């Protein structure tokens, strides 16, 4: 079965000439580049998008005077790496031809005469392509295509400029290596692109954007080794992180940023869980901490402005000082969100994602390489044995702390909350190894603690954020009064959450440890 494996990178349209003249392309090139190839592509589907629902893309592409029919089926997309099944056949004109289908599933899908009658043009793409065939060190051949053009739906257009690195022969890891070279050499930022031209066309056609992506379960097996388990978990976290990028940059929905932060927390937890095997990767973990610091303030202000202030405003709708404070807080929120956006658009971020992917490819497929996980004895331990021991140890650590919870200060409560979150993420990583019902009970008890401690942390954050508001904005009596109202509301909320915390602690104590009965 033919499979297309490619990595996509987006870049500023103004940087096309710089890329075309890049010496690296001449150094690695094994043939003369193809310049200014005009491509015109028509994508077909039914009015109710029956093919899209079946994860199938059908198109006709004009290349010069020739036409090619292409069918692509569902594959995977992670950190810019696209893998799909693909069938291409030449056709004499711009007319669909179903006589040359070879795959049984495609034949069955397109044998429906009613579906064929309903097929029509959904959108088109028009772009110029510059192509280079490159030879990598290990013998892999990669086709580098620079595409610049537009997607058209009726009278609506959307421009794009991107690099496609398609693997023609060799190992997918070479795609990440070449992309990393480009990111390091080029003076402008590149961004890994998780959305294909077809997906963008459908989004333009329907007007619908992909919703925020939450974490999906990781399919693990009890007898799996730790290297494989860690790799699958880390790739799952990276997938959640990168699939929320586009929405975070293009939408005002705060949930995209929230899911990116959750993905980062999960990934950092995975490094912590498997620390005996990953402790040598200090540079990667330091960069993950950098990214977390870049996103944290934006999330704190999102919670304050979109969740806490509306509740206060509801009860003090006529208070002028509250309105002024909300307006000022929104300005600060936008400032921190801009910082978060700039970090995701930066060369440093793209480099981090590529380095993580390259490292994971190395440790999973080439375990004997120097880049592979260290501590071979630890990585060969059976996963279920490791999991039960780890969960028991971390659970006991939490128990030891919560027994003294009334003596904890704000910093210690925050540390406890982090420990509980890490335990929850760890349980979610390993949940497919155990009974779903019993796992849910334990997660529910952790969630209760996490929510109560989270609300306490939000209240403490509120006091901190109020101090960040410029003094010139709070000099007037009415503004000081508004600040006092928020602090008073915040104190009442803090008292309520401290009471709730006691109830959630009792539930946590009573919840059975599901892994002990395995």
Protein backbone atom coordinates (compact mmCIF):
# COMPACT_ATOMS: atom_id res chain seq x y z
CA UNK A 1 0.00 0.00 0.00
CA UNK A 2 1.52 3.37 -1.01
CA UNK A 3 2.18 5.63 1.98
CA UNK A 4 2.96 9.34 1.97
CA UNK A 5 5.23 10.52 4.79
CA UNK A 6 5.93 14.23 4.94
CA UNK A 7 6.73 17.06 7.30
CA UNK A 8 5.15 20.48 6.79
CA UNK A 9 6.56 23.84 7.88
CA UNK A 10 4.94 27.23 7.42
CA UNK A 11 6.99 30.39 6.80
CA UNK A 12 6.44 34.09 6.03
CA UNK A 13 5.64 34.74 2.36
CA UNK A 14 8.28 37.49 2.31
CA UNK A 15 11.02 34.90 2.94
CA UNK A 16 10.51 32.75 -0.20
CA UNK A 17 13.51 34.11 -2.13
CA UNK A 18 15.82 33.69 0.84
CA UNK A 19 14.90 30.02 1.08
CA UNK A 20 15.29 29.46 -2.65
CA UNK A 21 18.86 30.79 -2.51
CA UNK A 22 19.83 28.78 0.57
CA UNK A 23 23.29 27.15 0.03
CA UNK A 24 22.16 24.02 1.91
CA UNK A 25 19.78 23.15 -0.93
CA UNK A 26 22.66 23.18 -3.40
CA UNK A 27 24.90 21.18 -1.06
CA UNK A 28 22.34 18.39 -0.56
CA UNK A 29 20.71 18.62 -3.99
CA UNK A 30 21.15 15.68 -6.36
CA UNK A 31 19.33 17.18 -9.36
CA UNK A 32 18.46 20.53 -10.83
CA UNK A 33 15.59 22.19 -8.92
CA UNK A 34 12.22 22.51 -10.64
CA UNK A 35 11.19 26.14 -10.62
CA UNK A 36 7.73 27.72 -10.82
CA UNK A 37 5.60 24.67 -11.42
CA UNK A 38 1.98 25.89 -11.44
CA UNK A 39 -0.45 23.52 -9.70
CA UNK A 40 -4.22 23.74 -9.89
CA UNK A 41 -6.17 21.29 -7.73
CA UNK A 42 -9.89 20.58 -7.42
CA UNK A 43 -11.15 18.81 -4.29
CA UNK A 44 -14.40 16.86 -4.56
CA UNK A 45 -16.97 15.75 -2.01
CA UNK A 46 -20.73 15.54 -1.55
CA UNK A 47 -22.67 18.55 -0.20
CA UNK A 48 -22.88 16.83 3.21
CA UNK A 49 -19.14 15.93 3.04
CA UNK A 50 -19.57 12.15 2.97
CA UNK A 51 -15.95 11.56 1.93
CA UNK A 52 -14.60 13.75 4.71
CA UNK A 53 -16.63 11.79 7.25
CA UNK A 54 -14.91 8.66 5.94
CA UNK A 55 -11.51 10.41 6.31
CA UNK A 56 -11.01 10.33 2.55
CA UNK A 57 -9.79 13.15 0.27
CA UNK A 58 -10.46 13.02 -3.50
CA UNK A 59 -8.84 15.48 -5.87
CA UNK A 60 -7.85 16.21 -9.45
CA UNK A 61 -4.61 18.10 -9.96
CA UNK A 62 -3.43 19.80 -13.14
CA UNK A 63 0.34 19.82 -13.61
CA UNK A 64 1.15 21.61 -16.85
CA UNK A 65 -1.09 19.95 -19.45
CA UNK A 66 -1.50 16.73 -17.49
CA UNK A 67 -4.11 15.72 -14.91
CA UNK A 68 -3.60 13.38 -11.94
CA UNK A 69 -6.29 11.89 -9.76
CA UNK A 70 -5.33 11.38 -6.10
CA UNK A 71 -7.09 9.66 -3.23
CA UNK A 72 -5.77 10.00 0.31
CA UNK A 73 -7.16 8.15 3.31
CA UNK A 74 -6.93 8.59 7.06
CA UNK A 75 -3.48 8.63 8.55
CA UNK A 76 -1.79 10.38 11.43
CA UNK A 77 -0.48 13.87 12.06
CA UNK A 78 1.89 14.64 14.93
CA UNK A 79 4.24 17.62 15.30
CA UNK A 80 4.02 18.42 11.60
CA UNK A 81 4.68 14.82 10.46
CA UNK A 82 1.88 13.62 8.17
CA UNK A 83 1.51 9.92 7.33
CA UNK A 84 -1.29 8.82 4.99
CA UNK A 85 -2.14 6.17 2.44
CA UNK A 86 -2.16 7.67 -1.05
CA UNK A 87 -3.11 6.48 -4.54
CA UNK A 88 -2.31 8.49 -7.67
CA UNK A 89 -3.26 7.72 -11.28
CA UNK A 90 -3.01 9.85 -14.43
CA UNK A 91 -6.33 10.74 -16.08
CA UNK A 92 -6.78 12.11 -19.62
CA UNK A 93 -8.71 15.23 -18.58
CA UNK A 94 -10.24 16.99 -15.59
CA UNK A 95 -12.79 14.26 -15.08
CA UNK A 96 -12.95 11.74 -12.23
CA UNK A 97 -12.14 8.16 -13.25
CA UNK A 98 -13.21 5.33 -10.92
CA UNK A 99 -12.12 2.49 -13.20
CA UNK A 100 -8.54 2.45 -11.91
CA UNK A 101 -9.26 2.00 -8.21
CA UNK A 102 -7.23 -0.78 -6.60
CA UNK A 103 -7.76 -0.68 -2.83
CA UNK A 104 -10.82 -2.73 -1.71
CA UNK A 105 -11.94 -0.17 0.87
CA UNK A 106 -11.78 2.69 -1.65
CA UNK A 107 -13.59 0.60 -4.26
CA UNK A 108 -16.37 -0.12 -1.77
CA UNK A 109 -16.66 3.51 -0.72
CA UNK A 110 -16.81 4.92 -4.26
CA UNK A 111 -18.95 2.14 -5.74
CA UNK A 112 -22.06 3.84 -4.37
CA UNK A 113 -23.73 5.30 -7.47
CA UNK A 114 -25.75 7.83 -5.45
CA UNK A 115 -22.59 9.14 -3.79
CA UNK A 116 -20.88 9.50 -7.18
CA UNK A 117 -23.80 11.55 -8.53
CA UNK A 118 -23.53 13.96 -5.62
CA UNK A 119 -19.79 14.59 -5.95
CA UNK A 120 -19.00 18.20 -6.76
CA UNK A 121 -16.23 20.75 -6.45
CA UNK A 122 -15.87 21.82 -2.80
CA UNK A 123 -12.79 24.01 -3.02
CA UNK A 124 -9.68 24.51 -5.16
CA UNK A 125 -6.04 25.30 -4.50
CA UNK A 126 -3.80 27.34 -6.78
CA UNK A 127 -0.12 27.58 -5.98
CA UNK A 128 3.40 27.73 -7.34
CA UNK A 129 5.77 24.93 -6.34
CA UNK A 130 9.57 24.93 -6.32
CA UNK A 131 11.02 21.43 -5.91
CA UNK A 132 14.43 20.15 -4.76
CA UNK A 133 15.48 16.49 -4.38
CA UNK A 134 17.92 16.21 -1.47
CA UNK A 135 20.25 13.43 -0.37
CA UNK A 136 20.81 13.05 3.38
CA UNK A 137 23.89 11.57 5.10
CA UNK A 138 22.40 8.11 5.67
CA UNK A 139 21.24 7.78 2.07
CA UNK A 140 17.66 8.95 2.59
CA UNK A 141 16.15 11.01 -0.22
CA UNK A 142 13.79 13.87 0.60
CA UNK A 143 11.75 15.99 -1.77
CA UNK A 144 11.62 19.58 -0.58
CA UNK A 145 8.72 21.55 -2.05
CA UNK A 146 8.19 25.24 -1.43
CA UNK A 147 4.50 26.00 -2.02
CA UNK A 148 3.03 29.49 -2.19
CA UNK A 149 -0.55 30.19 -3.20
CA UNK A 150 -4.16 30.24 -2.05
CA UNK A 151 -7.17 28.12 -1.20
CA UNK A 152 -10.41 29.25 -2.83
CA UNK A 153 -14.00 28.56 -1.76
CA UNK A 154 -16.44 30.52 -3.94
CA UNK A 155 -15.32 34.13 -3.45
CA UNK A 156 -13.36 33.47 -0.24
CA UNK A 157 -9.58 33.07 -0.40
CA UNK A 158 -6.90 32.11 2.09
CA UNK A 159 -3.18 32.41 1.34
CA UNK A 160 -0.49 29.99 2.46
CA UNK A 161 3.28 29.59 2.21
CA UNK A 162 4.76 26.31 3.36
CA UNK A 163 7.58 23.82 2.95
CA UNK A 164 6.73 20.16 2.37
CA UNK A 165 9.48 17.67 3.14
CA UNK A 166 8.37 14.34 1.66
CA UNK A 167 10.33 11.17 2.35
CA UNK A 168 11.09 9.43 -0.94
CA UNK A 169 13.36 6.76 0.54
CA UNK A 170 14.96 6.08 3.90
CA UNK A 171 13.90 6.76 7.48
CA UNK A 172 11.36 9.35 8.75
CA UNK A 173 13.87 10.55 11.35
CA UNK A 174 15.72 12.26 8.50
CA UNK A 175 12.74 14.58 7.96
CA UNK A 176 13.16 15.92 11.50
CA UNK A 177 16.92 16.28 10.99
CA UNK A 178 16.50 18.29 7.81
CA UNK A 179 13.77 20.44 9.36
CA UNK A 180 16.01 21.15 12.34
CA UNK A 181 18.83 22.19 9.99
CA UNK A 182 16.49 24.61 8.22
CA UNK A 183 15.26 26.10 11.50
CA UNK A 184 18.82 26.64 12.73
CA UNK A 185 20.16 28.09 9.47
CA UNK A 186 17.32 30.36 8.34
CA UNK A 187 17.18 33.87 9.88
CA UNK A 188 13.38 33.83 10.09
CA UNK A 189 11.13 31.50 12.15
CA UNK A 190 9.52 28.38 10.71
CA UNK A 191 6.51 26.71 12.32
CA UNK A 192 5.54 23.06 12.16
CA UNK A 193 2.23 22.80 10.33
CA UNK A 194 -0.27 20.19 11.52
CA UNK A 195 -3.04 21.20 9.12
CA UNK A 196 -2.92 20.07 5.49
CA UNK A 197 -4.15 22.11 2.52
CA UNK A 198 -7.19 19.82 2.30
CA UNK A 199 -8.05 20.36 5.98
CA UNK A 200 -7.70 24.12 5.54
CA UNK A 201 -9.94 23.96 2.50
CA UNK A 202 -12.64 22.09 4.40
CA UNK A 203 -12.38 24.55 7.31
CA UNK A 204 -12.79 27.44 4.87
CA UNK A 205 -15.75 25.67 3.20
CA UNK A 206 -17.63 24.90 6.44
CA UNK A 207 -16.50 27.89 8.46
CA UNK A 208 -15.75 25.51 11.33
CA UNK A 209 -12.43 25.40 13.16
CA UNK A 210 -10.98 22.40 14.94
CA UNK A 211 -12.01 22.49 18.61
CA UNK A 212 -9.41 22.46 21.40
CA UNK A 213 -7.78 19.02 21.59
CA UNK A 214 -7.83 17.26 24.94
CA UNK A 215 -5.53 14.44 26.01
CA UNK A 216 -6.38 11.02 24.61
CA UNK A 217 -5.72 7.70 26.44
CA UNK A 218 -2.35 6.06 25.78
CA UNK A 219 -2.67 2.41 24.75
CA UNK A 220 -0.12 0.54 26.86
CA UNK A 221 0.44 -3.15 27.63
CA UNK A 222 1.40 -4.66 30.98
CA UNK A 223 4.50 -6.43 29.64
CA UNK A 224 5.76 -3.39 27.72
CA UNK A 225 9.30 -2.13 28.44
CA UNK A 226 9.77 1.36 29.85
CA UNK A 227 11.42 2.77 26.74
CA UNK A 228 8.41 1.96 24.59
CA UNK A 229 5.96 3.15 27.25
CA UNK A 230 7.75 6.46 27.74
CA UNK A 231 7.97 7.07 23.99
CA UNK A 232 4.24 6.47 23.46
CA UNK A 233 3.32 8.70 26.40
CA UNK A 234 5.66 11.52 25.32
CA UNK A 235 4.39 11.38 21.73
CA UNK A 236 0.82 11.53 23.05
CA UNK A 237 1.68 14.68 25.03
CA UNK A 238 3.44 16.27 22.06
CA UNK A 239 0.42 15.54 19.88
CA UNK A 240 -1.89 17.36 22.30
CA UNK A 241 0.53 20.29 22.50
CA UNK A 242 1.07 20.81 18.78
CA UNK A 243 -2.52 20.15 17.67
CA UNK A 244 -3.68 23.10 19.78
CA UNK A 245 -1.12 25.51 18.31
CA UNK A 246 -3.18 26.69 15.35
CA UNK A 247 -6.27 27.40 17.45
CA UNK A 248 -4.24 29.16 20.12
CA UNK A 249 -2.67 31.50 17.54
CA UNK A 250 -5.76 32.06 15.41
CA UNK A 251 -8.59 32.09 17.96
CA UNK A 252 -9.59 34.08 21.04
CA UNK A 253 -10.80 30.88 22.74
CA UNK A 254 -8.72 30.55 25.93
CA UNK A 255 -9.17 26.77 25.97
CA UNK A 256 -6.47 26.22 23.32
CA UNK A 257 -3.81 27.80 25.54
CA UNK A 258 -5.16 25.85 28.52
CA UNK A 259 -4.81 22.55 26.65
CA UNK A 260 -1.27 23.45 25.56
CA UNK A 261 -0.30 24.08 29.17
CA UNK A 262 -1.90 20.79 30.21
CA UNK A 263 0.10 19.01 27.50
CA UNK A 264 3.30 20.61 28.78
CA UNK A 265 2.51 19.57 32.35
CA UNK A 266 1.79 16.03 31.21
CA UNK A 267 5.02 15.88 29.22
CA UNK A 268 7.08 17.20 32.13
CA UNK A 269 5.36 14.65 34.38
CA UNK A 270 6.34 11.88 31.95
CA UNK A 271 9.99 12.96 32.21
CA UNK A 272 9.62 12.96 36.00
CA UNK A 273 7.98 9.49 36.11
CA UNK A 274 10.72 8.00 33.93
CA UNK A 275 13.51 10.06 35.48
CA UNK A 276 15.83 7.05 35.87
CA UNK A 277 15.80 6.71 32.09
CA UNK A 278 15.61 10.36 31.01
CA UNK A 279 17.72 12.23 33.54
CA UNK A 280 20.45 12.78 30.93
CA UNK A 281 18.16 14.98 28.82
CA UNK A 282 18.69 18.11 30.92
CA UNK A 283 18.60 20.49 27.92
CA UNK A 284 15.18 19.27 26.81
CA UNK A 285 13.65 19.48 30.28
CA UNK A 286 15.10 22.98 30.75
CA UNK A 287 13.51 24.09 27.48
CA UNK A 288 10.16 22.63 28.56
CA UNK A 289 10.42 24.70 31.74
CA UNK A 290 11.16 27.79 29.62
CA UNK A 291 8.04 27.21 27.54
CA UNK A 292 5.93 26.67 30.65
CA UNK A 293 7.14 30.01 32.04
CA UNK A 294 6.20 31.70 28.77
CA UNK A 295 2.61 30.42 28.88
CA UNK A 296 1.84 30.58 32.62
CA UNK A 297 1.17 34.34 33.01
CA UNK A 298 -1.24 34.35 30.05
CA UNK A 299 -3.24 31.50 31.61
CA UNK A 300 -3.29 33.20 35.03
CA UNK A 301 -4.73 36.37 33.50
CA UNK A 302 -7.18 34.36 31.38
CA UNK A 303 -8.58 32.72 34.52
CA UNK A 304 -8.73 36.04 36.38
CA UNK A 305 -10.41 37.99 33.55
CA UNK A 306 -12.72 35.33 32.05
CA UNK A 307 -13.67 33.31 35.14
CA UNK A 308 -13.26 35.34 38.33
CA UNK A 309 -14.00 38.95 37.38
CA UNK A 310 -17.34 38.16 35.65
CA UNK A 311 -18.61 36.60 38.91
CA UNK A 312 -17.68 39.74 40.82
CA UNK A 313 -19.08 42.05 38.16
CA UNK A 314 -22.41 40.20 38.31
CA UNK A 315 -22.86 41.33 41.91
CA UNK A 316 -21.38 44.82 41.45
CA UNK A 317 -22.65 45.71 37.98
CA UNK A 318 -23.09 49.42 38.81
CA UNK A 319 -19.71 49.92 40.43
CA UNK A 320 -17.58 52.17 38.18
CA UNK A 321 -14.32 51.06 39.79
CA UNK A 322 -14.97 47.41 38.96
CA UNK A 323 -15.51 48.35 35.30
CA UNK A 324 -12.23 50.31 35.22
CA UNK A 325 -10.34 47.45 36.87
CA UNK A 326 -11.79 44.94 34.40
CA UNK A 327 -10.73 47.13 31.48
CA UNK A 328 -7.19 47.47 32.85
CA UNK A 329 -6.98 43.74 33.55
CA UNK A 330 -8.02 42.97 29.97
CA UNK A 331 -5.13 45.11 28.69
CA UNK A 332 -2.67 43.18 30.85
CA UNK A 333 -4.24 39.89 29.77
CA UNK A 334 -3.72 40.78 26.10
CA UNK A 335 -0.11 41.76 26.82
CA UNK A 336 0.69 38.37 28.38
CA UNK A 337 -1.19 36.51 25.66
CA UNK A 338 0.94 38.32 23.07
CA UNK A 339 4.04 37.07 24.88
CA UNK A 340 2.66 33.53 24.81
CA UNK A 341 1.84 33.81 21.09
CA UNK A 342 5.30 35.14 20.29
CA UNK A 343 6.90 32.22 22.11
CA UNK A 344 4.89 29.71 20.02
CA UNK A 345 5.85 31.54 16.82
CA UNK A 346 9.52 31.67 17.82
CA UNK A 347 12.42 29.73 16.36
CA UNK A 348 13.20 28.47 19.87
CA UNK A 349 9.82 26.76 20.16
CA UNK A 350 10.00 25.07 16.75
CA UNK A 351 13.54 23.93 17.52
CA UNK A 352 12.35 22.41 20.82
CA UNK A 353 9.50 20.46 19.18
CA UNK A 354 11.82 19.14 16.46
CA UNK A 355 14.49 18.15 18.98
CA UNK A 356 11.91 16.29 21.07
CA UNK A 357 10.60 14.43 18.03
CA UNK A 358 14.09 13.62 16.80
CA UNK A 359 15.09 12.30 20.23
CA UNK A 360 11.94 10.17 20.53
CA UNK A 361 12.52 8.69 17.08
CA UNK A 362 16.07 7.81 18.09
CA UNK A 363 15.23 6.11 21.39
CA UNK A 364 12.28 4.17 20.00
CA UNK A 365 13.63 2.94 16.69
CA UNK A 366 17.37 3.04 17.32
CA UNK A 367 17.80 2.09 21.02
CA UNK A 368 21.52 1.35 20.62
CA UNK A 369 22.37 4.91 19.57
CA UNK A 370 24.05 7.31 22.03
CA UNK A 371 20.88 9.42 22.02
CA UNK A 372 18.83 6.51 23.38
CA UNK A 373 17.55 6.30 26.94
CA UNK A 374 20.18 5.62 29.57
CA UNK A 375 20.00 3.10 32.44
CA UNK A 376 19.31 -0.04 30.43
CA UNK A 377 18.40 -2.08 33.52
CA UNK A 378 15.62 0.34 34.41
CA UNK A 379 14.21 0.53 30.90
CA UNK A 380 13.95 -3.28 30.66
CA UNK A 381 11.75 -3.48 33.76
CA UNK A 382 8.23 -4.76 33.01
CA UNK A 383 5.83 -1.82 32.87
CA UNK A 384 3.17 -3.18 35.25
CA UNK A 385 5.77 -3.82 37.98
CA UNK A 386 7.19 -0.32 37.58
CA UNK A 387 3.72 1.25 37.55
CA UNK A 388 2.46 -0.39 40.76
CA UNK A 389 5.62 0.51 42.67
CA UNK A 390 5.65 4.08 41.39
CA UNK A 391 1.96 4.76 42.15
CA UNK A 392 2.31 3.31 45.65
CA UNK A 393 5.33 5.48 46.45
CA UNK A 394 3.74 8.69 45.13
CA UNK A 395 0.43 7.98 46.87
CA UNK A 396 2.20 7.53 50.19
CA UNK A 397 4.09 10.79 49.69
CA UNK A 398 0.78 12.61 49.22
CA UNK A 399 -0.72 10.94 52.29
CA UNK A 400 2.26 11.98 54.41
CA UNK A 401 1.81 15.61 53.34
CA UNK A 402 -1.99 15.89 53.66
CA UNK A 403 -1.86 14.55 57.23
CA UNK A 404 -0.21 17.88 58.11
CA UNK A 405 -2.29 20.00 55.72
CA UNK A 406 -3.53 22.44 58.36
CA UNK A 407 0.07 23.43 59.06
CA UNK A 408 0.95 24.11 55.40
CA UNK A 409 1.56 27.63 54.12
CA UNK A 410 0.62 28.87 50.64
CA UNK A 411 3.86 27.68 49.04
CA UNK A 412 3.51 24.19 50.57
CA UNK A 413 -0.14 23.97 49.48
CA UNK A 414 0.93 24.84 45.93
CA UNK A 415 3.59 22.10 46.04
CA UNK A 416 0.97 19.63 47.28
CA UNK A 417 -1.33 20.59 44.41
CA UNK A 418 1.47 19.96 41.92
CA UNK A 419 2.13 16.52 43.45
CA UNK A 420 -1.56 15.64 43.20
CA UNK A 421 -1.71 16.79 39.57
CA UNK A 422 1.34 14.71 38.73
CA UNK A 423 -0.23 11.66 40.36
CA UNK A 424 -3.41 12.21 38.36
CA UNK A 425 -1.50 12.56 35.07
CA UNK A 426 0.50 9.43 35.91
CA UNK A 427 -2.67 7.43 36.60
CA UNK A 428 -4.12 8.67 33.30
CA UNK A 429 -0.96 7.58 31.49
CA UNK A 430 -1.29 4.03 32.85
CA UNK A 431 -5.09 3.74 33.05
CA UNK A 432 -5.42 1.25 30.18
CA UNK A 433 -3.52 -1.32 32.27
CA UNK A 434 -6.28 -1.50 34.93
CA UNK A 435 -10.04 -1.68 35.49
CA UNK A 436 -11.60 1.53 34.10
CA UNK A 437 -14.22 1.71 36.86
CA UNK A 438 -11.70 1.57 39.71
CA UNK A 439 -9.34 3.96 37.95
CA UNK A 440 -12.16 6.51 37.58
CA UNK A 441 -12.87 6.40 41.33
CA UNK A 442 -9.27 7.19 42.18
CA UNK A 443 -9.03 9.94 39.54
CA UNK A 444 -12.26 11.43 40.91
CA UNK A 445 -10.76 11.61 44.40
CA UNK A 446 -7.60 13.27 43.04
CA UNK A 447 -9.67 15.70 40.96
CA UNK A 448 -11.60 16.81 44.03
CA UNK A 449 -8.38 17.60 45.86
CA UNK A 450 -6.90 19.24 42.78
CA UNK A 451 -9.95 21.47 42.24
CA UNK A 452 -10.11 22.59 45.86
CA UNK A 453 -6.39 23.33 46.00
CA UNK A 454 -6.62 24.94 42.55
CA UNK A 455 -9.30 27.34 43.74
CA UNK A 456 -7.13 28.22 46.75
CA UNK A 457 -4.20 28.80 44.41
CA UNK A 458 -6.37 30.99 42.14
CA UNK A 459 -7.33 33.09 45.16
CA UNK A 460 -3.67 33.56 46.06
CA UNK A 461 -2.92 34.38 42.40
CA UNK A 462 -5.67 37.01 42.45
CA UNK A 463 -3.85 38.91 45.18
CA UNK A 464 -0.63 38.70 43.14
CA UNK A 465 -2.28 39.85 39.90
CA UNK A 466 -3.94 42.83 41.58
CA UNK A 467 -0.48 44.01 42.61
CA UNK A 468 0.63 43.91 38.95
CA UNK A 469 -1.96 46.49 37.93
CA UNK A 470 -0.08 49.81 37.50
CA UNK A 471 -0.30 52.06 40.53
CA UNK A 472 -1.51 54.99 38.41
CA UNK A 473 -4.63 52.99 37.64
CA UNK A 474 -5.51 52.40 41.31
CA UNK A 475 -4.86 55.83 42.86
CA UNK A 476 -8.44 57.01 42.89
CA UNK A 477 -10.69 56.19 45.80
CA UNK A 478 -13.16 54.39 43.54
CA UNK A 479 -10.43 52.11 42.14
CA UNK A 480 -9.10 51.33 45.61
CA UNK A 481 -12.63 50.48 46.63
CA UNK A 482 -12.95 48.10 43.68
CA UNK A 483 -9.71 46.37 44.66
CA UNK A 484 -11.05 46.01 48.19
CA UNK A 485 -14.26 44.43 46.88
CA UNK A 486 -12.29 41.86 44.90
CA UNK A 487 -10.01 41.05 47.84
CA UNK A 488 -13.05 40.65 50.11
CA UNK A 489 -14.82 38.38 47.63
CA UNK A 490 -11.61 36.47 47.22
CA UNK A 491 -11.23 35.96 50.98
CA UNK A 492 -14.78 34.59 51.28
CA UNK A 493 -14.11 32.21 48.40
CA UNK A 494 -10.88 31.09 50.02
CA UNK A 495 -12.71 30.27 53.25
CA UNK A 496 -15.33 28.21 51.37
CA UNK A 497 -12.67 26.26 49.50
CA UNK A 498 -10.81 25.47 52.72
CA UNK A 499 -14.00 23.87 54.04
CA UNK A 500 -14.47 21.92 50.76
CA UNK A 501 -10.86 20.75 51.00
CA UNK A 502 -11.66 18.85 54.21
CA UNK A 503 -14.49 16.97 52.48
CA UNK A 504 -12.35 16.07 49.49
CA UNK A 505 -9.62 14.80 51.82
CA UNK A 506 -12.06 12.34 53.42
CA UNK A 507 -13.03 11.03 49.96
CA UNK A 508 -9.36 10.63 49.06
CA UNK A 509 -8.66 8.65 52.24
CA UNK A 510 -11.60 6.29 51.56
CA UNK A 511 -10.85 5.61 47.88
CA UNK A 512 -9.31 2.14 47.28
CA UNK A 513 -5.96 1.89 45.52
CA UNK A 514 -6.95 0.15 42.29
CA UNK A 515 -3.45 -1.05 41.42
CA UNK A 516 -3.17 -3.13 44.61
CA UNK A 517 -5.87 -5.54 43.41
CA UNK A 518 -4.33 -6.10 39.97
